Amino acid sequence: MRYALIGCGRISPNHLGSAVDHHLEIVAVCDKKAEKAEALLKRYSLEGIPVYTEYQKMLREQKPELVAIATESGYHAEIAIDCIRHGCNVIIEKPLALSMADARRVIAARDEMGVIACINQQNRFNKPIQLLRKQLDQGNLGKLFHATLQMHWNREADYYQSPSWRGTYALDGGALMNQCIHGIDLLRWMMGGEPTEVMAITDNLNHPYIEAEDIGLALFKFKNGGYGVLEGTVNTYGGNLDETLSVYGESGTIQIGGIATNKLTCYQVKGDSRDFDSLSKEVNTEPKNVYGFGHSFLYADVIDAIENHRTPYVPLEEGMKALEMVLAVYKSAATGKPVTFPLGDYSTLDVLNQ
């Protein structure tokens, strides 16, 4: 399968490494700065692979079957639509877009062209997350009361200042849109996928050189009657601490922590007598960083979806749902009022006009 990567920044090794692991035919990489693309190829001993600085030219000349998009967030939708119009299947790094309107445009293009398109919310593939999902699907936690998502990470000035697009509303967003959206996706997924209302606060306490938030706090109500509590910050002194998801039901409590929801830290399910230590050893992982191991599993799923003409495990609709939650938090924080779902049209730039 002919594969190309657009965007060779911080997350690109997870994409190219996954492409290598799954023996894709890597036909090109693209970045506005050719030296970044060349350095990435060298890291994987792939010197000689064509390097492009214009992705449209790459699409015309190389005709890839699968393209991964890992550019600045504000360009995801535009590039994805161009790739889809060229008949390419796509993997889109989170977030899907920075506006609900753009997210819908990407989905419409996918439907029109009939390609396979996936949003890169890779933590869904974490083994502890899969364990929790299975228990919920089987109804073993009973009625869900509430769930919490806590992300305590750290981002310093050098992260935002090079490159300078980070933390801007036009191309990025803040801690919730960039870092916490993975956990927000999991919170929504586990709580039935249908929030009805949110009340939120965001602030910038420690990063005066960026536009967007470095902390966000929110309370969601869901259609199933349960609640979701969100706490996301990049102000954690000493480095990335944890990303923890806890789900509380009438017949079970499951908590998944670690640096990126990768460790089972509490498992109490009525009628399930499995030994906690043994279960933990079975599902826990030790990733080198907050990105975890999910990219490789996601690539395997997308490749199989393309070959078997099926919907991928994390379709674009799931990316739009996570985006909607973040944008709803932004709107609530900007207006000081509760926001109901569905959100309608809203974008990161609208925050500046509230």
Protein backbone atom coordinates (compact mmCIF):
# COMPACT_ATOMS: atom_id res chain seq x y z
CA MET A 1 0.00 0.00 0.00
CA ARG A 2 1.49 3.32 -1.09
CA TYR A 3 1.86 5.63 1.92
CA ALA A 4 2.81 9.25 2.42
CA LEU A 5 3.14 11.49 5.46
CA ILE A 6 2.34 15.20 5.53
CA GLY A 7 3.91 17.03 8.46
CA CYS A 8 7.21 15.98 10.03
CA GLY A 9 7.03 17.57 13.47
CA ARG A 10 6.80 16.29 17.04
CA ILE A 11 4.33 13.45 16.44
CA SER A 12 5.64 12.34 13.03
CA PRO A 13 7.93 9.55 14.31
CA ASN A 14 4.89 7.71 15.68
CA HIS A 15 3.33 7.80 12.22
CA LEU A 16 6.36 6.93 10.15
CA GLY A 17 7.42 4.28 12.64
CA SER A 18 3.98 2.68 12.42
CA ALA A 19 4.15 2.74 8.62
CA VAL A 20 7.51 0.98 8.79
CA ASP A 21 6.20 -1.57 11.33
CA HIS A 22 3.32 -2.48 9.01
CA HIS A 23 5.50 -2.69 5.88
CA LEU A 24 3.75 0.07 3.99
CA GLU A 25 5.40 1.28 0.81
CA ILE A 26 6.57 4.72 1.90
CA VAL A 27 6.58 6.79 -1.29
CA ALA A 28 7.08 10.31 0.11
CA VAL A 29 7.13 12.61 3.10
CA CYS A 30 6.20 16.27 3.06
CA ASP A 31 6.96 19.27 5.22
CA LYS A 32 7.28 22.98 4.53
CA LYS A 33 10.81 22.65 5.93
CA ALA A 34 12.59 20.01 3.85
CA GLU A 35 15.31 19.56 6.47
CA LYS A 36 12.74 18.30 8.97
CA ALA A 37 11.49 15.68 6.52
CA GLU A 38 15.04 14.61 5.70
CA ALA A 39 15.93 14.27 9.38
CA LEU A 40 12.86 12.12 9.96
CA LEU A 41 13.74 9.82 7.07
CA LYS A 42 17.31 9.51 8.31
CA ARG A 43 16.04 8.44 11.72
CA TYR A 44 14.46 5.40 10.06
CA SER A 45 17.27 4.81 7.54
CA LEU A 46 14.92 5.79 4.72
CA GLU A 47 17.23 8.19 2.89
CA GLY A 48 16.30 8.36 -0.77
CA ILE A 49 12.57 8.55 -0.20
CA PRO A 50 11.26 11.64 -2.05
CA VAL A 51 10.85 14.76 0.07
CA TYR A 52 8.27 17.42 -0.82
CA THR A 53 7.54 20.89 0.53
CA GLU A 54 4.19 21.15 -1.31
CA TYR A 55 1.72 18.40 -0.50
CA GLN A 56 -0.45 19.02 -3.60
CA LYS A 57 2.53 18.27 -5.83
CA MET A 58 3.25 15.15 -3.80
CA LEU A 59 -0.32 13.92 -4.23
CA ARG A 60 -0.21 14.47 -8.00
CA GLU A 61 3.17 12.84 -8.57
CA GLN A 62 3.19 9.99 -6.04
CA LYS A 63 -0.51 9.04 -5.95
CA PRO A 64 -0.46 7.54 -2.43
CA GLU A 65 -3.26 5.23 -1.32
CA LEU A 66 -2.97 6.19 2.35
CA VAL A 67 -1.89 9.58 3.70
CA ALA A 68 -1.29 10.55 7.31
CA ILE A 69 -1.81 14.22 8.16
CA ALA A 70 0.27 15.49 11.09
CA THR A 71 0.55 19.22 10.41
CA GLU A 72 -0.56 22.20 12.46
CA SER A 73 -4.09 21.52 13.70
CA GLY A 74 -5.59 24.47 11.85
CA TYR A 75 -4.61 22.93 8.51
CA HIS A 76 -5.94 19.42 9.15
CA ALA A 77 -9.33 19.92 7.50
CA GLU A 78 -8.07 21.67 4.37
CA ILE A 79 -5.32 19.13 3.74
CA ALA A 80 -7.61 16.19 4.50
CA ILE A 81 -10.19 17.38 1.98
CA ASP A 82 -7.49 17.81 -0.68
CA CYS A 83 -6.18 14.30 -0.02
CA ILE A 84 -9.67 12.82 -0.12
CA ARG A 85 -10.41 14.64 -3.39
CA HIS A 86 -7.34 12.87 -4.81
CA GLY A 87 -8.89 9.53 -3.80
CA CYS A 88 -6.57 8.96 -0.82
CA ASN A 89 -7.54 7.20 2.35
CA VAL A 90 -6.48 9.31 5.33
CA ILE A 91 -5.36 9.17 8.94
CA ILE A 92 -5.86 12.59 10.52
CA GLU A 93 -4.05 13.56 13.69
CA LYS A 94 -6.28 15.01 16.36
CA PRO A 95 -8.10 17.34 16.34
CA LEU A 96 -10.11 16.71 13.21
CA ALA A 97 -10.50 20.46 12.70
CA LEU A 98 -10.79 23.65 14.73
CA SER A 99 -14.40 24.35 13.79
CA MET A 100 -17.54 22.27 13.59
CA ALA A 101 -18.18 23.51 10.05
CA ASP A 102 -14.78 22.28 8.85
CA ALA A 103 -15.26 18.93 10.57
CA ARG A 104 -18.53 18.44 8.72
CA ARG A 105 -16.83 19.40 5.43
CA VAL A 106 -14.23 16.68 5.89
CA ILE A 107 -16.88 14.06 6.63
CA ALA A 108 -18.92 15.16 3.60
CA ALA A 109 -15.86 14.83 1.36
CA ARG A 110 -15.19 11.33 2.70
CA ASP A 111 -18.77 10.30 2.03
CA GLU A 112 -18.69 11.73 -1.48
CA MET A 113 -15.42 10.01 -2.43
CA GLY A 114 -16.02 6.76 -0.56
CA VAL A 115 -12.57 6.58 1.03
CA ILE A 116 -11.55 5.27 4.44
CA ALA A 117 -10.83 8.07 6.91
CA CYS A 118 -9.76 7.76 10.54
CA ILE A 119 -9.11 10.22 13.35
CA ASN A 120 -5.96 9.55 15.33
CA GLN A 121 -7.39 9.10 18.83
CA GLN A 122 -5.00 6.27 19.50
CA ASN A 123 -5.55 5.86 23.24
CA ARG A 124 -8.74 3.94 22.49
CA PHE A 125 -6.44 1.02 21.67
CA ASN A 126 -4.72 1.00 25.08
CA LYS A 127 -5.23 -2.40 26.69
CA PRO A 128 -6.69 -1.04 29.96
CA ILE A 129 -9.06 1.16 27.94
CA GLN A 130 -10.16 -1.86 25.92
CA LEU A 131 -10.77 -3.75 29.17
CA LEU A 132 -12.99 -0.94 30.47
CA ARG A 133 -14.83 -0.68 27.16
CA LYS A 134 -15.58 -4.42 27.23
CA GLN A 135 -17.00 -4.21 30.75
CA LEU A 136 -19.23 -1.30 29.75
CA ASP A 137 -20.41 -3.03 26.57
CA GLN A 138 -21.38 -6.07 28.62
CA GLY A 139 -23.21 -3.90 31.15
CA ASN A 140 -21.07 -5.10 34.02
CA LEU A 141 -20.78 -1.67 35.68
CA GLY A 142 -24.54 -1.19 35.71
CA LYS A 143 -25.95 2.33 35.73
CA LEU A 144 -23.18 4.88 35.30
CA PHE A 145 -23.11 7.62 37.90
CA HIS A 146 -20.16 9.70 36.81
CA ALA A 147 -16.68 9.64 35.32
CA THR A 148 -13.66 11.89 35.73
CA LEU A 149 -10.82 12.70 33.35
CA GLN A 150 -7.76 14.32 34.88
CA MET A 151 -4.74 15.30 32.81
CA HIS A 152 -1.78 16.72 34.70
CA TRP A 153 0.91 17.43 32.12
CA ASN A 154 3.58 20.06 31.63
CA ARG A 155 4.46 22.30 28.70
CA GLU A 156 7.15 24.95 29.02
CA ALA A 157 7.94 28.04 26.96
CA ASP A 158 10.19 26.22 24.49
CA TYR A 159 7.30 23.97 23.46
CA TYR A 160 5.15 26.94 22.47
CA GLN A 161 7.83 29.18 21.03
CA SER A 162 9.23 26.68 18.55
CA PRO A 163 7.13 26.39 16.49
CA SER A 164 5.18 29.55 17.27
CA TRP A 165 1.77 28.33 16.01
CA ARG A 166 1.20 26.39 19.21
CA GLY A 167 -1.23 27.97 21.62
CA THR A 168 -2.87 30.14 18.95
CA TYR A 169 -6.60 29.99 18.29
CA ALA A 170 -6.07 30.07 14.53
CA LEU A 171 -3.88 26.96 14.33
CA ASP A 172 -4.00 25.11 17.64
CA GLY A 173 -6.01 25.95 20.74
CA GLY A 174 -4.76 25.28 24.25
CA ALA A 175 -4.30 22.48 26.75
CA LEU A 176 -7.76 21.02 26.15
CA MET A 177 -7.69 21.04 22.35
CA ASN A 178 -4.10 19.91 21.89
CA GLN A 179 -3.22 17.71 24.85
CA CYS A 180 -6.44 16.78 26.67
CA ILE A 181 -8.61 15.93 23.67
CA HIS A 182 -7.52 12.28 23.86
CA GLY A 183 -8.88 11.99 27.39
CA ILE A 184 -11.97 14.01 26.51
CA ASP A 185 -12.67 11.50 23.75
CA LEU A 186 -12.39 8.65 26.24
CA LEU A 187 -14.64 10.41 28.75
CA ARG A 188 -17.38 10.87 26.18
CA TRP A 189 -16.95 7.35 24.77
CA MET A 190 -17.26 5.71 28.18
CA MET A 191 -20.23 7.82 29.29
CA GLY A 192 -22.44 6.89 26.37
CA GLY A 193 -21.28 9.43 23.83
CA GLU A 194 -24.13 11.92 24.26
CA PRO A 195 -23.51 14.96 26.47
CA THR A 196 -26.45 17.31 26.91
CA GLU A 197 -24.90 20.27 28.75
CA VAL A 198 -21.58 21.63 30.00
CA MET A 199 -20.46 24.38 32.36
CA ALA A 200 -16.78 25.25 32.17
CA ILE A 201 -13.95 27.55 33.14
CA THR A 202 -10.67 28.00 31.30
CA ASP A 203 -7.73 30.22 32.15
CA ASN A 204 -4.13 30.99 31.34
CA LEU A 205 -2.20 30.98 34.60
CA ASN A 206 1.37 30.33 33.56
CA HIS A 207 1.82 30.91 29.81
CA PRO A 208 1.26 34.62 29.07
CA TYR A 209 2.91 34.29 25.65
CA ILE A 210 0.07 32.14 24.19
CA GLU A 211 -3.53 33.04 23.36
CA ALA A 212 -5.27 29.92 24.58
CA GLU A 213 -5.77 28.19 27.93
CA ASP A 214 -3.26 26.25 29.99
CA ILE A 215 -5.96 24.93 32.34
CA GLY A 216 -9.58 23.91 31.86
CA LEU A 217 -12.23 22.66 34.29
CA ALA A 218 -15.65 21.44 33.20
CA LEU A 219 -18.74 19.59 34.36
CA PHE A 220 -20.74 17.68 31.75
CA LYS A 221 -24.18 16.14 32.00
CA PHE A 222 -24.90 13.15 29.77
CA LYS A 223 -28.11 11.83 28.24
CA ASN A 224 -27.86 8.65 30.32
CA GLY A 225 -28.21 10.77 33.50
CA GLY A 226 -24.56 10.52 34.48
CA TYR A 227 -21.99 13.27 34.84
CA GLY A 228 -18.47 13.84 33.59
CA VAL A 229 -15.82 15.90 35.34
CA LEU A 230 -12.89 17.29 33.36
CA GLU A 231 -9.64 18.68 34.71
CA GLY A 232 -6.88 19.41 32.22
CA THR A 233 -3.70 21.38 32.79
CA VAL A 234 -0.20 21.78 31.38
CA ASN A 235 0.98 23.62 34.50
CA THR A 236 2.14 20.54 36.41
CA TYR A 237 5.48 21.31 38.03
CA GLY A 238 8.20 18.77 37.33
CA GLY A 239 6.88 17.34 34.07
CA ASN A 240 4.04 15.14 32.83
CA LEU A 241 2.43 13.41 35.80
CA ASP A 242 -0.65 11.47 34.70
CA GLU A 243 -3.75 11.18 32.56
CA THR A 244 -6.34 9.33 34.60
CA LEU A 245 -9.83 8.16 33.66
CA SER A 246 -12.16 6.94 36.42
CA VAL A 247 -15.61 5.47 35.83
CA TYR A 248 -18.09 4.94 38.66
CA GLY A 249 -21.15 2.72 38.21
CA GLU A 250 -23.68 1.02 40.45
CA SER A 251 -21.83 -2.30 40.24
CA GLY A 252 -18.28 -1.34 39.40
CA THR A 253 -15.44 1.16 39.71
CA ILE A 254 -12.59 1.18 37.22
CA GLN A 255 -9.71 3.64 37.18
CA ILE A 256 -7.00 3.85 34.53
CA GLY A 257 -4.01 6.07 35.16
CA GLY A 258 -0.39 6.25 34.13
CA ILE A 259 1.11 8.95 31.99
CA ALA A 260 -1.40 8.34 29.18
CA THR A 261 -4.29 6.16 30.47
CA ASN A 262 -2.02 3.13 30.19
CA LYS A 263 -2.19 1.56 33.67
CA LEU A 264 -5.05 -0.12 35.49
CA THR A 265 -5.03 1.43 38.98
CA CYS A 266 -8.40 0.29 40.36
CA TYR A 267 -10.64 -2.58 39.26
CA GLN A 268 -13.66 -3.46 41.38
CA VAL A 269 -16.45 -5.09 39.40
CA LYS A 270 -19.27 -7.04 40.98
CA GLY A 271 -18.97 -10.74 40.24
CA ASP A 272 -15.47 -10.45 38.74
CA SER A 273 -13.01 -12.25 40.98
CA ARG A 274 -9.92 -11.93 38.80
CA ASP A 275 -6.72 -11.16 40.68
CA PHE A 276 -5.91 -7.45 40.35
CA ASP A 277 -2.15 -7.89 40.15
CA SER A 278 -2.45 -10.52 37.42
CA LEU A 279 -4.95 -8.45 35.48
CA SER A 280 -2.76 -5.38 35.77
CA LYS A 281 0.27 -7.24 34.44
CA GLU A 282 -1.85 -8.43 31.51
CA VAL A 283 -3.01 -4.98 30.40
CA ASN A 284 -0.53 -2.40 31.69
CA THR A 285 2.08 -0.87 29.41
CA GLU A 286 5.13 1.37 29.94
CA PRO A 287 5.26 3.90 27.09
CA LYS A 288 8.32 6.11 26.71
CA ASN A 289 6.18 9.23 26.44
CA VAL A 290 2.59 10.52 26.54
CA TYR A 291 1.91 9.30 22.99
CA GLY A 292 1.86 5.66 24.09
CA PHE A 293 1.75 2.68 21.74
CA GLY A 294 -1.64 3.27 20.15
CA HIS A 295 -0.48 4.57 16.76
CA SER A 296 0.69 1.14 15.63
CA PHE A 297 -2.63 -0.48 16.58
CA LEU A 298 -4.53 2.30 14.86
CA TYR A 299 -2.49 1.83 11.68
CA ALA A 300 -3.19 -1.91 11.74
CA ASP A 301 -6.91 -1.21 12.01
CA VAL A 302 -6.94 1.35 9.19
CA ILE A 303 -4.96 -0.91 6.86
CA ASP A 304 -7.43 -3.73 7.53
CA ALA A 305 -10.37 -1.36 7.03
CA ILE A 306 -9.01 -0.32 3.62
CA GLU A 307 -8.33 -3.88 2.53
CA ASN A 308 -11.73 -5.13 3.70
CA HIS A 309 -13.81 -2.06 2.81
CA ARG A 310 -15.13 -1.50 6.32
CA THR A 311 -15.46 1.41 8.72
CA PRO A 312 -12.32 2.00 10.85
CA TYR A 313 -12.49 1.60 14.62
CA VAL A 314 -12.18 5.36 15.16
CA PRO A 315 -14.07 7.02 12.27
CA LEU A 316 -14.19 10.77 11.69
CA GLU A 317 -17.51 11.09 13.49
CA GLU A 318 -15.73 10.23 16.75
CA GLY A 319 -13.21 12.97 16.08
CA MET A 320 -16.03 15.44 15.54
CA LYS A 321 -17.64 14.43 18.85
CA ALA A 322 -14.41 15.05 20.76
CA LEU A 323 -13.99 18.37 18.95
CA GLU A 324 -17.55 19.34 19.86
CA MET A 325 -16.85 18.76 23.55
CA VAL A 326 -13.75 20.95 23.53
CA LEU A 327 -15.46 23.73 21.59
CA ALA A 328 -18.45 23.57 23.95
CA VAL A 329 -16.08 24.02 26.88
CA TYR A 330 -14.49 26.99 25.12
CA LYS A 331 -17.90 28.57 24.49
CA SER A 332 -19.08 28.03 28.05
CA ALA A 333 -15.88 29.48 29.47
CA ALA A 334 -15.97 32.45 27.10
CA THR A 335 -19.63 33.31 27.80
CA GLY A 336 -19.76 32.31 31.46
CA LYS A 337 -22.92 30.32 30.76
CA PRO A 338 -23.90 26.66 30.40
CA VAL A 339 -23.81 25.37 26.81
CA THR A 340 -26.18 22.72 25.49
CA PHE A 341 -25.57 20.02 22.87
CA PRO A 342 -25.62 19.73 19.92
CA LEU A 343 -23.29 22.69 19.71
CA GLY A 344 -23.97 23.90 16.18
CA ASP A 345 -21.38 26.05 14.46
CA TYR A 346 -18.49 27.17 16.65
CA SER A 347 -14.73 27.47 16.22
CA THR A 348 -11.65 28.31 18.23
CA LEU A 349 -11.63 31.76 16.62
CA ASP A 350 -15.11 32.43 17.98
CA VAL A 351 -13.59 32.50 21.47
CA LEU A 352 -11.94 35.80 20.57
CA ASN A 353 -15.30 37.36 19.71
CA GLN A 354 -17.24 36.42 22.84
